[in-house]
Amino acid sequence: MTFKTIQTPLIALGIVGTLFLFVYLGGSSVLPSITGAPRLDTTEAPPSASLIGQQSPYFDLPDISGTHVKLTQFSTTPIIVVFWSTWNSQAADQIQILDQYIAHKSPEAQLAPVVAINSQEEKSLVSSFVSRGGYQVQVVLDTQGIATSQYQIKSLPTFFFIDSTGIVRDVHAGVLSEKELMDRVDRVLQ
């Protein structure tokens, strides 16, 4: 075998390897510039941000035990509504963080109630997930996706911070640490 016979495959392998490293080390922002595809703006506000300053969409959803939870039950207190699912690892991790937030109930802490709306999963799957984790957060089921649609959910988890008059004051798409969660709740409670 001569050098000329393997030269072309080696060059091709070198080019592919270089492109792989370039994309791998450069992250997702490099690929659109290589392919000419339009770049997605990840800093753009989620579609649900259009609800800020608006009356929160009404929901009446069953929890895991079958008891209905209604938005109107929280008409005199601020509330945190978070959309999540068990299949999304970040959203599932968020339930653990919410549980830690709930565990910090103390006389001096002002905590808003949390309603975690599971987006379009079967009751048995959600119930098993909550039971395995021993979570205390109030989980309700949006199996038909009606609330998910009304709240314009495009990514999970997505948070809504709703004041005591039912107005959406803040929206956040993505995971929040316990401290970030507390900071946002403090702003809504003021």
N, C-alpha and C. Protein backbone atom coordinates (compact mmCIF):
# COMPACT_ATOMS: atom_id res chain seq x y z
N MET A 1 0.85 -1.16 0.00
CA MET A 1 0.00 0.00 0.00
C MET A 1 0.90 1.24 0.00
N THR A 2 0.57 2.16 -0.86
CA THR A 2 1.38 3.36 -0.98
C THR A 2 0.73 4.52 -0.24
N PHE A 3 1.53 5.53 -0.03
CA PHE A 3 1.05 6.73 0.66
C PHE A 3 -0.07 7.41 -0.13
N LYS A 4 0.03 7.38 -1.46
CA LYS A 4 -0.97 8.02 -2.30
C LYS A 4 -2.33 7.34 -2.15
N THR A 5 -2.38 6.04 -1.87
CA THR A 5 -3.64 5.31 -1.74
C THR A 5 -4.38 5.70 -0.47
N ILE A 6 -3.65 5.97 0.57
CA ILE A 6 -4.30 6.32 1.84
C ILE A 6 -4.35 7.83 2.09
N GLN A 7 -3.76 8.59 1.21
CA GLN A 7 -3.71 10.04 1.40
C GLN A 7 -5.11 10.67 1.41
N THR A 8 -5.97 10.36 0.46
CA THR A 8 -7.31 10.96 0.38
C THR A 8 -8.16 10.61 1.60
N PRO A 9 -8.22 9.33 2.01
CA PRO A 9 -9.01 9.03 3.23
C PRO A 9 -8.45 9.72 4.48
N LEU A 10 -7.13 9.86 4.57
CA LEU A 10 -6.56 10.54 5.73
C LEU A 10 -6.92 12.02 5.75
N ILE A 11 -6.90 12.65 4.59
CA ILE A 11 -7.28 14.06 4.52
C ILE A 11 -8.75 14.23 4.91
N ALA A 12 -9.61 13.36 4.36
CA ALA A 12 -11.05 13.42 4.68
C ALA A 12 -11.27 13.21 6.18
N LEU A 13 -10.57 12.23 6.75
CA LEU A 13 -10.69 11.96 8.18
C LEU A 13 -10.21 13.16 9.00
N GLY A 14 -9.14 13.78 8.57
CA GLY A 14 -8.62 14.97 9.25
C GLY A 14 -9.61 16.12 9.22
N ILE A 15 -10.26 16.33 8.07
CA ILE A 15 -11.25 17.40 7.95
C ILE A 15 -12.46 17.13 8.84
N VAL A 16 -12.98 15.90 8.81
CA VAL A 16 -14.13 15.54 9.64
C VAL A 16 -13.77 15.66 11.12
N GLY A 17 -12.59 15.18 11.49
CA GLY A 17 -12.16 15.28 12.88
C GLY A 17 -12.02 16.72 13.34
N THR A 18 -11.48 17.56 12.49
CA THR A 18 -11.33 18.98 12.82
C THR A 18 -12.69 19.64 13.00
N LEU A 19 -13.62 19.36 12.07
CA LEU A 19 -14.98 19.91 12.19
C LEU A 19 -15.65 19.44 13.47
N PHE A 20 -15.49 18.15 13.79
CA PHE A 20 -16.08 17.61 15.02
C PHE A 20 -15.55 18.36 16.24
N LEU A 21 -14.24 18.51 16.34
CA LEU A 21 -13.66 19.23 17.48
C LEU A 21 -14.09 20.68 17.52
N PHE A 22 -14.17 21.29 16.36
CA PHE A 22 -14.60 22.70 16.27
C PHE A 22 -16.01 22.87 16.83
N VAL A 23 -16.93 22.00 16.40
CA VAL A 23 -18.31 22.08 16.87
C VAL A 23 -18.39 21.65 18.34
N TYR A 24 -17.68 20.59 18.70
CA TYR A 24 -17.71 20.10 20.07
C TYR A 24 -17.21 21.14 21.06
N LEU A 25 -16.09 21.75 20.74
CA LEU A 25 -15.50 22.74 21.65
C LEU A 25 -16.18 24.11 21.54
N GLY A 26 -16.74 24.42 20.38
CA GLY A 26 -17.36 25.72 20.16
C GLY A 26 -18.80 25.78 20.60
N GLY A 27 -19.43 24.65 20.84
CA GLY A 27 -20.81 24.64 21.29
C GLY A 27 -21.79 24.83 20.15
N SER A 28 -23.06 25.01 20.52
CA SER A 28 -24.13 25.08 19.53
C SER A 28 -24.12 26.37 18.71
N SER A 29 -23.37 27.36 19.14
CA SER A 29 -23.34 28.62 18.39
C SER A 29 -22.49 28.51 17.13
N VAL A 30 -21.62 27.50 17.04
CA VAL A 30 -20.73 27.36 15.89
C VAL A 30 -21.44 26.73 14.70
N LEU A 31 -22.31 25.77 14.94
CA LEU A 31 -22.95 25.03 13.86
C LEU A 31 -23.74 25.92 12.91
N PRO A 32 -24.57 26.86 13.39
CA PRO A 32 -25.28 27.73 12.43
C PRO A 32 -24.33 28.52 11.54
N SER A 33 -23.19 28.95 12.07
CA SER A 33 -22.27 29.73 11.24
C SER A 33 -21.60 28.86 10.18
N ILE A 34 -21.40 27.58 10.46
CA ILE A 34 -20.80 26.68 9.48
C ILE A 34 -21.81 26.35 8.38
N THR A 35 -23.04 26.04 8.78
CA THR A 35 -24.05 25.58 7.82
C THR A 35 -24.78 26.72 7.13
N GLY A 36 -24.68 27.94 7.68
CA GLY A 36 -25.42 29.06 7.12
C GLY A 36 -26.85 29.12 7.62
N ALA A 37 -27.21 28.26 8.56
CA ALA A 37 -28.57 28.25 9.11
C ALA A 37 -28.76 29.47 10.00
N PRO A 38 -30.01 29.92 10.14
CA PRO A 38 -30.24 31.07 11.02
C PRO A 38 -29.94 30.69 12.47
N ARG A 39 -29.36 31.60 13.18
CA ARG A 39 -28.99 31.38 14.58
C ARG A 39 -30.20 31.61 15.46
N LEU A 40 -30.45 30.69 16.39
CA LEU A 40 -31.55 30.85 17.33
C LEU A 40 -31.09 31.72 18.48
N ASP A 41 -31.91 32.68 18.84
CA ASP A 41 -31.58 33.57 19.95
C ASP A 41 -32.08 32.95 21.24
N THR A 42 -31.16 32.41 22.03
CA THR A 42 -31.55 31.74 23.27
C THR A 42 -31.83 32.72 24.39
N THR A 43 -31.55 34.01 24.17
CA THR A 43 -31.83 35.00 25.21
C THR A 43 -33.23 35.57 25.05
N GLU A 44 -33.91 35.18 23.99
CA GLU A 44 -35.25 35.66 23.73
C GLU A 44 -36.20 35.22 24.84
N ALA A 45 -37.13 36.08 25.20
CA ALA A 45 -38.10 35.75 26.24
C ALA A 45 -39.01 34.62 25.75
N PRO A 46 -39.43 33.72 26.65
CA PRO A 46 -40.33 32.65 26.25
C PRO A 46 -41.68 33.24 25.82
N PRO A 47 -42.42 32.53 24.93
CA PRO A 47 -43.73 33.04 24.49
C PRO A 47 -44.65 33.34 25.67
N SER A 48 -44.53 32.57 26.73
CA SER A 48 -45.39 32.77 27.90
C SER A 48 -45.11 34.09 28.61
N ALA A 49 -44.00 34.75 28.29
CA ALA A 49 -43.69 36.04 28.91
C ALA A 49 -44.72 37.10 28.52
N SER A 50 -45.45 36.86 27.45
CA SER A 50 -46.50 37.81 27.05
C SER A 50 -47.62 37.85 28.09
N LEU A 51 -47.65 36.89 29.02
CA LEU A 51 -48.67 36.87 30.07
C LEU A 51 -48.31 37.79 31.24
N ILE A 52 -47.09 38.30 31.29
CA ILE A 52 -46.69 39.18 32.38
C ILE A 52 -47.58 40.43 32.37
N GLY A 53 -48.14 40.73 33.54
CA GLY A 53 -49.04 41.87 33.67
C GLY A 53 -50.48 41.53 33.35
N GLN A 54 -50.72 40.29 32.91
CA GLN A 54 -52.07 39.84 32.56
C GLN A 54 -52.65 38.96 33.66
N GLN A 55 -53.96 38.81 33.64
CA GLN A 55 -54.63 37.88 34.55
C GLN A 55 -54.16 36.47 34.21
N SER A 56 -53.80 35.71 35.21
CA SER A 56 -53.34 34.34 35.01
C SER A 56 -54.46 33.49 34.43
N PRO A 57 -54.17 32.67 33.41
CA PRO A 57 -55.21 31.78 32.88
C PRO A 57 -55.73 30.84 33.97
N TYR A 58 -57.02 30.63 33.98
CA TYR A 58 -57.68 29.79 34.98
C TYR A 58 -57.33 28.32 34.73
N PHE A 59 -57.18 27.58 35.82
CA PHE A 59 -57.06 26.13 35.70
C PHE A 59 -57.84 25.45 36.80
N ASP A 60 -58.33 24.28 36.51
CA ASP A 60 -59.03 23.40 37.45
C ASP A 60 -58.58 22.00 37.07
N LEU A 61 -57.58 21.50 37.78
CA LEU A 61 -56.93 20.24 37.42
C LEU A 61 -56.90 19.28 38.61
N PRO A 62 -56.97 17.98 38.34
CA PRO A 62 -56.90 17.01 39.44
C PRO A 62 -55.47 16.79 39.90
N ASP A 63 -55.33 16.57 41.21
CA ASP A 63 -54.01 16.17 41.69
C ASP A 63 -53.93 14.65 41.58
N ILE A 64 -52.87 14.07 42.09
CA ILE A 64 -52.66 12.63 41.96
C ILE A 64 -53.75 11.81 42.64
N SER A 65 -54.30 12.35 43.73
CA SER A 65 -55.35 11.62 44.45
C SER A 65 -56.73 11.84 43.84
N GLY A 66 -56.84 12.74 42.85
CA GLY A 66 -58.12 12.99 42.19
C GLY A 66 -58.83 14.26 42.67
N THR A 67 -58.30 14.91 43.71
CA THR A 67 -58.88 16.14 44.21
C THR A 67 -58.56 17.28 43.25
N HIS A 68 -59.58 18.07 42.92
CA HIS A 68 -59.35 19.17 41.98
C HIS A 68 -58.72 20.38 42.66
N VAL A 69 -57.74 20.94 42.00
CA VAL A 69 -57.04 22.14 42.47
C VAL A 69 -57.38 23.23 41.46
N LYS A 70 -57.90 24.34 41.99
CA LYS A 70 -58.31 25.45 41.14
C LYS A 70 -57.46 26.68 41.44
N LEU A 71 -57.21 27.47 40.43
CA LEU A 71 -56.47 28.71 40.61
C LEU A 71 -57.16 29.61 41.63
N THR A 72 -58.49 29.60 41.64
CA THR A 72 -59.25 30.48 42.54
C THR A 72 -59.05 30.14 44.02
N GLN A 73 -58.53 28.96 44.32
CA GLN A 73 -58.23 28.59 45.70
C GLN A 73 -57.13 29.49 46.28
N PHE A 74 -56.38 30.15 45.41
CA PHE A 74 -55.25 30.97 45.83
C PHE A 74 -55.53 32.45 45.57
N SER A 75 -56.77 32.85 45.67
CA SER A 75 -57.15 34.21 45.29
C SER A 75 -56.66 35.29 46.25
N THR A 76 -56.20 34.91 47.41
CA THR A 76 -55.74 35.93 48.36
C THR A 76 -54.25 35.82 48.68
N THR A 77 -53.55 34.99 47.96
CA THR A 77 -52.13 34.79 48.23
C THR A 77 -51.34 34.67 46.93
N PRO A 78 -50.10 35.11 46.93
CA PRO A 78 -49.27 34.86 45.75
C PRO A 78 -49.06 33.36 45.59
N ILE A 79 -48.81 32.93 44.38
CA ILE A 79 -48.64 31.51 44.10
C ILE A 79 -47.56 31.33 43.04
N ILE A 80 -46.87 30.21 43.13
CA ILE A 80 -45.91 29.81 42.10
C ILE A 80 -46.53 28.65 41.34
N VAL A 81 -46.63 28.80 40.04
CA VAL A 81 -47.10 27.72 39.18
C VAL A 81 -45.92 27.32 38.30
N VAL A 82 -45.61 26.05 38.28
CA VAL A 82 -44.49 25.56 37.46
C VAL A 82 -44.98 24.39 36.61
N PHE A 83 -44.67 24.44 35.33
CA PHE A 83 -44.99 23.34 34.42
C PHE A 83 -43.75 22.46 34.30
N TRP A 84 -43.96 21.15 34.34
CA TRP A 84 -42.85 20.21 34.34
C TRP A 84 -43.30 18.87 33.77
N SER A 85 -42.36 17.95 33.61
CA SER A 85 -42.67 16.57 33.21
C SER A 85 -41.58 15.65 33.75
N THR A 86 -41.90 14.38 33.86
CA THR A 86 -40.93 13.42 34.38
C THR A 86 -39.87 13.08 33.34
N TRP A 87 -40.18 13.16 32.06
CA TRP A 87 -39.24 12.78 31.00
C TRP A 87 -38.14 13.82 30.79
N ASN A 88 -38.37 15.04 31.23
CA ASN A 88 -37.39 16.11 31.08
C ASN A 88 -36.56 16.15 32.36
N SER A 89 -35.29 15.78 32.28
CA SER A 89 -34.47 15.64 33.49
C SER A 89 -34.34 16.96 34.26
N GLN A 90 -34.23 18.09 33.56
CA GLN A 90 -34.14 19.37 34.27
C GLN A 90 -35.45 19.69 35.00
N ALA A 91 -36.56 19.44 34.34
CA ALA A 91 -37.86 19.69 34.96
C ALA A 91 -38.07 18.76 36.14
N ALA A 92 -37.66 17.51 36.00
CA ALA A 92 -37.79 16.55 37.11
C ALA A 92 -36.88 16.95 38.28
N ASP A 93 -35.67 17.42 37.98
CA ASP A 93 -34.77 17.90 39.04
C ASP A 93 -35.37 19.10 39.75
N GLN A 94 -36.12 19.92 39.01
CA GLN A 94 -36.73 21.11 39.59
C GLN A 94 -37.71 20.75 40.70
N ILE A 95 -38.37 19.61 40.58
CA ILE A 95 -39.31 19.16 41.62
C ILE A 95 -38.56 18.97 42.93
N GLN A 96 -37.37 18.42 42.88
CA GLN A 96 -36.57 18.24 44.09
C GLN A 96 -36.22 19.60 44.70
N ILE A 97 -35.86 20.56 43.88
CA ILE A 97 -35.54 21.91 44.37
C ILE A 97 -36.77 22.56 44.98
N LEU A 98 -37.92 22.37 44.36
CA LEU A 98 -39.18 22.91 44.90
C LEU A 98 -39.50 22.27 46.26
N ASP A 99 -39.20 20.98 46.36
CA ASP A 99 -39.44 20.29 47.63
C ASP A 99 -38.55 20.86 48.73
N GLN A 100 -37.31 21.18 48.40
CA GLN A 100 -36.40 21.80 49.37
C GLN A 100 -36.92 23.18 49.77
N TYR A 101 -37.45 23.92 48.81
CA TYR A 101 -38.04 25.24 49.07
C TYR A 101 -39.20 25.10 50.07
N ILE A 102 -40.06 24.12 49.85
CA ILE A 102 -41.21 23.90 50.74
C ILE A 102 -40.75 23.49 52.13
N ALA A 103 -39.67 22.73 52.21
CA ALA A 103 -39.15 22.26 53.50
C ALA A 103 -38.64 23.40 54.37
N HIS A 104 -38.36 24.57 53.78
CA HIS A 104 -37.84 25.70 54.53
C HIS A 104 -38.93 26.57 55.16
N LYS A 105 -40.12 26.01 55.27
CA LYS A 105 -41.19 26.78 55.91
C LYS A 105 -40.82 27.06 57.35
N SER A 106 -40.76 28.33 57.66
CA SER A 106 -40.50 28.73 59.04
C SER A 106 -41.32 29.99 59.28
N PRO A 107 -41.53 30.36 60.55
CA PRO A 107 -42.37 31.52 60.85
C PRO A 107 -41.89 32.81 60.18
N GLU A 108 -40.56 32.99 60.05
CA GLU A 108 -40.06 34.23 59.48
C GLU A 108 -40.00 34.21 57.94
N ALA A 109 -40.09 33.04 57.34
CA ALA A 109 -40.02 32.95 55.88
C ALA A 109 -41.40 33.12 55.27
N GLN A 110 -41.47 33.99 54.27
CA GLN A 110 -42.70 34.15 53.53
C GLN A 110 -42.60 33.30 52.28
N LEU A 111 -43.32 32.20 52.25
CA LEU A 111 -43.26 31.31 51.12
C LEU A 111 -44.60 31.30 50.41
N ALA A 112 -44.55 31.36 49.11
CA ALA A 112 -45.75 31.25 48.30
C ALA A 112 -46.04 29.77 48.06
N PRO A 113 -47.31 29.40 48.04
CA PRO A 113 -47.63 28.00 47.71
C PRO A 113 -47.16 27.67 46.29
N VAL A 114 -46.85 26.41 46.08
CA VAL A 114 -46.37 25.94 44.78
C VAL A 114 -47.37 24.93 44.22
N VAL A 115 -47.73 25.12 42.96
CA VAL A 115 -48.53 24.13 42.25
C VAL A 115 -47.70 23.70 41.05
N ALA A 116 -47.32 22.44 41.02
CA ALA A 116 -46.51 21.89 39.93
C ALA A 116 -47.45 21.18 38.96
N ILE A 117 -47.63 21.76 37.79
CA ILE A 117 -48.54 21.20 36.79
C ILE A 117 -47.75 20.28 35.86
N ASN A 118 -48.06 18.99 35.96
CA ASN A 118 -47.39 18.04 35.09
C ASN A 118 -48.03 18.13 33.71
N SER A 119 -47.20 18.30 32.72
CA SER A 119 -47.67 18.53 31.36
C SER A 119 -47.79 17.25 30.55
N GLN A 120 -49.02 16.80 30.37
CA GLN A 120 -49.40 15.76 29.41
C GLN A 120 -48.79 14.40 29.63
N GLU A 121 -48.76 13.96 30.88
CA GLU A 121 -48.30 12.60 31.16
C GLU A 121 -49.40 11.84 31.89
N GLU A 122 -49.32 10.54 31.83
CA GLU A 122 -50.30 9.69 32.49
C GLU A 122 -50.17 9.76 34.01
N LYS A 123 -51.29 9.67 34.67
CA LYS A 123 -51.35 9.76 36.14
C LYS A 123 -50.44 8.72 36.80
N SER A 124 -50.45 7.47 36.33
CA SER A 124 -49.66 6.41 36.97
C SER A 124 -48.16 6.72 36.92
N LEU A 125 -47.70 7.26 35.82
CA LEU A 125 -46.29 7.60 35.67
C LEU A 125 -45.89 8.72 36.63
N VAL A 126 -46.71 9.75 36.70
CA VAL A 126 -46.43 10.89 37.58
C VAL A 126 -46.52 10.47 39.04
N SER A 127 -47.54 9.71 39.36
CA SER A 127 -47.73 9.24 40.73
C SER A 127 -46.54 8.40 41.20
N SER A 128 -46.06 7.53 40.33
CA SER A 128 -44.91 6.70 40.65
C SER A 128 -43.67 7.57 40.89
N PHE A 129 -43.45 8.56 40.04
CA PHE A 129 -42.30 9.47 40.16
C PHE A 129 -42.35 10.21 41.50
N VAL A 130 -43.50 10.77 41.83
CA VAL A 130 -43.66 11.55 43.07
C VAL A 130 -43.50 10.63 44.29
N SER A 131 -44.07 9.45 44.22
CA SER A 131 -43.99 8.49 45.32
C SER A 131 -42.54 8.03 45.55
N ARG A 132 -41.83 7.70 44.48
CA ARG A 132 -40.43 7.27 44.60
C ARG A 132 -39.56 8.35 45.23
N GLY A 133 -39.81 9.60 44.86
CA GLY A 133 -39.01 10.70 45.39
C GLY A 133 -39.47 11.18 46.75
N GLY A 134 -40.66 10.76 47.18
CA GLY A 134 -41.19 11.22 48.46
C GLY A 134 -41.46 12.73 48.46
N TYR A 135 -41.81 13.28 47.30
CA TYR A 135 -41.98 14.73 47.17
C TYR A 135 -43.27 15.22 47.82
N GLN A 136 -43.19 16.40 48.41
CA GLN A 136 -44.32 17.02 49.09
C GLN A 136 -44.99 18.11 48.27
N VAL A 137 -44.34 18.54 47.20
CA VAL A 137 -44.89 19.60 46.37
C VAL A 137 -46.24 19.15 45.80
N GLN A 138 -47.18 20.08 45.71
CA GLN A 138 -48.51 19.76 45.19
C GLN A 138 -48.43 19.60 43.67
N VAL A 139 -48.68 18.39 43.20
CA VAL A 139 -48.61 18.07 41.78
C VAL A 139 -50.01 17.87 41.23
N VAL A 140 -50.32 18.58 40.15
CA VAL A 140 -51.60 18.40 39.47
C VAL A 140 -51.31 17.93 38.04
N LEU A 141 -52.32 17.34 37.44
CA LEU A 141 -52.15 16.69 36.13
C LEU A 141 -52.88 17.44 35.03
N ASP A 142 -52.15 17.82 34.02
CA ASP A 142 -52.72 18.44 32.82
C ASP A 142 -52.58 17.43 31.68
N THR A 143 -53.29 16.31 31.80
CA THR A 143 -53.12 15.21 30.84
C THR A 143 -53.54 15.59 29.43
N GLN A 144 -54.51 16.48 29.29
CA GLN A 144 -54.98 16.88 27.96
C GLN A 144 -54.17 18.05 27.39
N GLY A 145 -53.35 18.71 28.20
CA GLY A 145 -52.52 19.82 27.72
C GLY A 145 -53.27 21.14 27.59
N ILE A 146 -54.44 21.26 28.19
CA ILE A 146 -55.23 22.49 28.07
C ILE A 146 -54.54 23.65 28.78
N ALA A 147 -54.13 23.45 30.03
CA ALA A 147 -53.43 24.52 30.76
C ALA A 147 -52.08 24.80 30.11
N THR A 148 -51.41 23.77 29.66
CA THR A 148 -50.12 23.94 28.98
C THR A 148 -50.27 24.87 27.78
N SER A 149 -51.34 24.69 27.06
CA SER A 149 -51.61 25.55 25.90
C SER A 149 -51.99 26.97 26.33
N GLN A 150 -52.85 27.10 27.34
CA GLN A 150 -53.29 28.42 27.79
C GLN A 150 -52.12 29.25 28.33
N TYR A 151 -51.16 28.59 28.96
CA TYR A 151 -50.00 29.28 29.51
C TYR A 151 -48.86 29.41 28.49
N GLN A 152 -49.10 28.96 27.26
CA GLN A 152 -48.16 29.11 26.14
C GLN A 152 -46.80 28.46 26.44
N ILE A 153 -46.83 27.27 26.99
CA ILE A 153 -45.60 26.58 27.38
C ILE A 153 -44.89 26.02 26.15
N LYS A 154 -43.61 26.38 26.02
CA LYS A 154 -42.78 25.88 24.92
C LYS A 154 -41.55 25.14 25.43
N SER A 155 -41.24 25.26 26.73
CA SER A 155 -40.11 24.54 27.31
C SER A 155 -40.43 24.23 28.77
N LEU A 156 -39.76 23.21 29.27
CA LEU A 156 -39.98 22.78 30.65
C LEU A 156 -38.65 22.79 31.39
N PRO A 157 -38.62 23.16 32.64
CA PRO A 157 -39.72 23.74 33.41
C PRO A 157 -39.94 25.21 33.04
N THR A 158 -41.16 25.68 33.24
CA THR A 158 -41.49 27.10 33.09
C THR A 158 -42.26 27.53 34.33
N PHE A 159 -41.80 28.63 34.94
CA PHE A 159 -42.39 29.16 36.17
C PHE A 159 -43.25 30.38 35.89
N PHE A 160 -44.32 30.50 36.68
CA PHE A 160 -45.17 31.69 36.68
C PHE A 160 -45.28 32.14 38.13
N PHE A 161 -44.94 33.39 38.37
CA PHE A 161 -45.06 33.97 39.71
C PHE A 161 -46.27 34.89 39.66
N ILE A 162 -47.31 34.49 40.38
CA ILE A 162 -48.61 35.15 40.31
C ILE A 162 -48.88 35.83 41.64
N ASP A 163 -49.28 37.11 41.59
CA ASP A 163 -49.52 37.84 42.84
C ASP A 163 -50.90 37.51 43.42
N SER A 164 -51.22 38.11 44.55
CA SER A 164 -52.46 37.78 45.27
C SER A 164 -53.72 38.25 44.53
N THR A 165 -53.56 39.06 43.49
CA THR A 165 -54.73 39.48 42.71
C THR A 165 -54.88 38.63 41.44
N GLY A 166 -54.00 37.65 41.25
CA GLY A 166 -54.10 36.77 40.10
C GLY A 166 -53.35 37.25 38.87
N ILE A 167 -52.54 38.30 39.03
CA ILE A 167 -51.78 38.84 37.91
C ILE A 167 -50.41 38.15 37.83
N VAL A 168 -50.03 37.75 36.62
CA VAL A 168 -48.71 37.15 36.40
C VAL A 168 -47.68 38.27 36.51
N ARG A 169 -46.77 38.16 37.48
CA ARG A 169 -45.75 39.19 37.70
C ARG A 169 -44.39 38.83 37.13
N ASP A 170 -44.13 37.54 36.95
CA ASP A 170 -42.83 37.12 36.44
C ASP A 170 -42.99 35.76 35.79
N VAL A 171 -42.20 35.50 34.75
CA VAL A 171 -42.17 34.20 34.07
C VAL A 171 -40.71 33.84 33.89
N HIS A 172 -40.40 32.57 34.14
CA HIS A 172 -39.02 32.11 33.93
C HIS A 172 -39.06 30.72 33.30
N ALA A 173 -38.38 30.58 32.18
CA ALA A 173 -38.24 29.28 31.54
C ALA A 173 -36.86 28.74 31.88
N GLY A 174 -36.82 27.56 32.47
CA GLY A 174 -35.55 26.95 32.86
C GLY A 174 -35.51 26.65 34.35
N VAL A 175 -34.45 26.00 34.77
CA VAL A 175 -34.30 25.59 36.16
C VAL A 175 -33.94 26.79 37.03
N LEU A 176 -34.53 26.84 38.21
CA LEU A 176 -34.20 27.86 39.21
C LEU A 176 -33.62 27.17 40.43
N SER A 177 -32.53 27.71 40.96
CA SER A 177 -32.00 27.20 42.22
C SER A 177 -32.95 27.65 43.33
N GLU A 178 -32.77 27.09 44.50
CA GLU A 178 -33.63 27.48 45.63
C GLU A 178 -33.48 28.97 45.94
N LYS A 179 -32.26 29.49 45.88
CA LYS A 179 -32.03 30.91 46.14
C LYS A 179 -32.70 31.78 45.08
N GLU A 180 -32.55 31.42 43.80
CA GLU A 180 -33.19 32.19 42.74
C GLU A 180 -34.71 32.16 42.90
N LEU A 181 -35.22 31.03 43.29
CA LEU A 181 -36.66 30.89 43.54
C LEU A 181 -37.11 31.82 44.66
N MET A 182 -36.35 31.82 45.77
CA MET A 182 -36.68 32.68 46.92
C MET A 182 -36.62 34.15 46.53
N ASP A 183 -35.61 34.54 45.75
CA ASP A 183 -35.47 35.93 45.31
C ASP A 183 -36.67 36.36 44.48
N ARG A 184 -37.11 35.52 43.57
CA ARG A 184 -38.26 35.86 42.73
C ARG A 184 -39.54 35.92 43.56
N VAL A 185 -39.69 35.02 44.51
CA VAL A 185 -40.87 35.05 45.39
C VAL A 185 -40.87 36.34 46.21
N ASP A 186 -39.72 36.73 46.73
CA ASP A 186 -39.63 37.98 47.50
C ASP A 186 -40.09 39.18 46.67
N ARG A 187 -39.72 39.20 45.39
CA ARG A 187 -40.15 40.31 44.53
C ARG A 187 -41.66 40.33 44.34
N VAL A 188 -42.28 39.15 44.21
CA VAL A 188 -43.73 39.07 44.01
C VAL A 188 -44.47 39.43 45.29
N LEU A 189 -43.89 39.06 46.44
CA LEU A 189 -44.55 39.34 47.73
C LEU A 189 -44.50 40.82 48.10
N GLN A 190 -43.60 41.57 47.51
CA GLN A 190 -43.47 42.99 47.87
C GLN A 190 -44.59 43.82 47.32
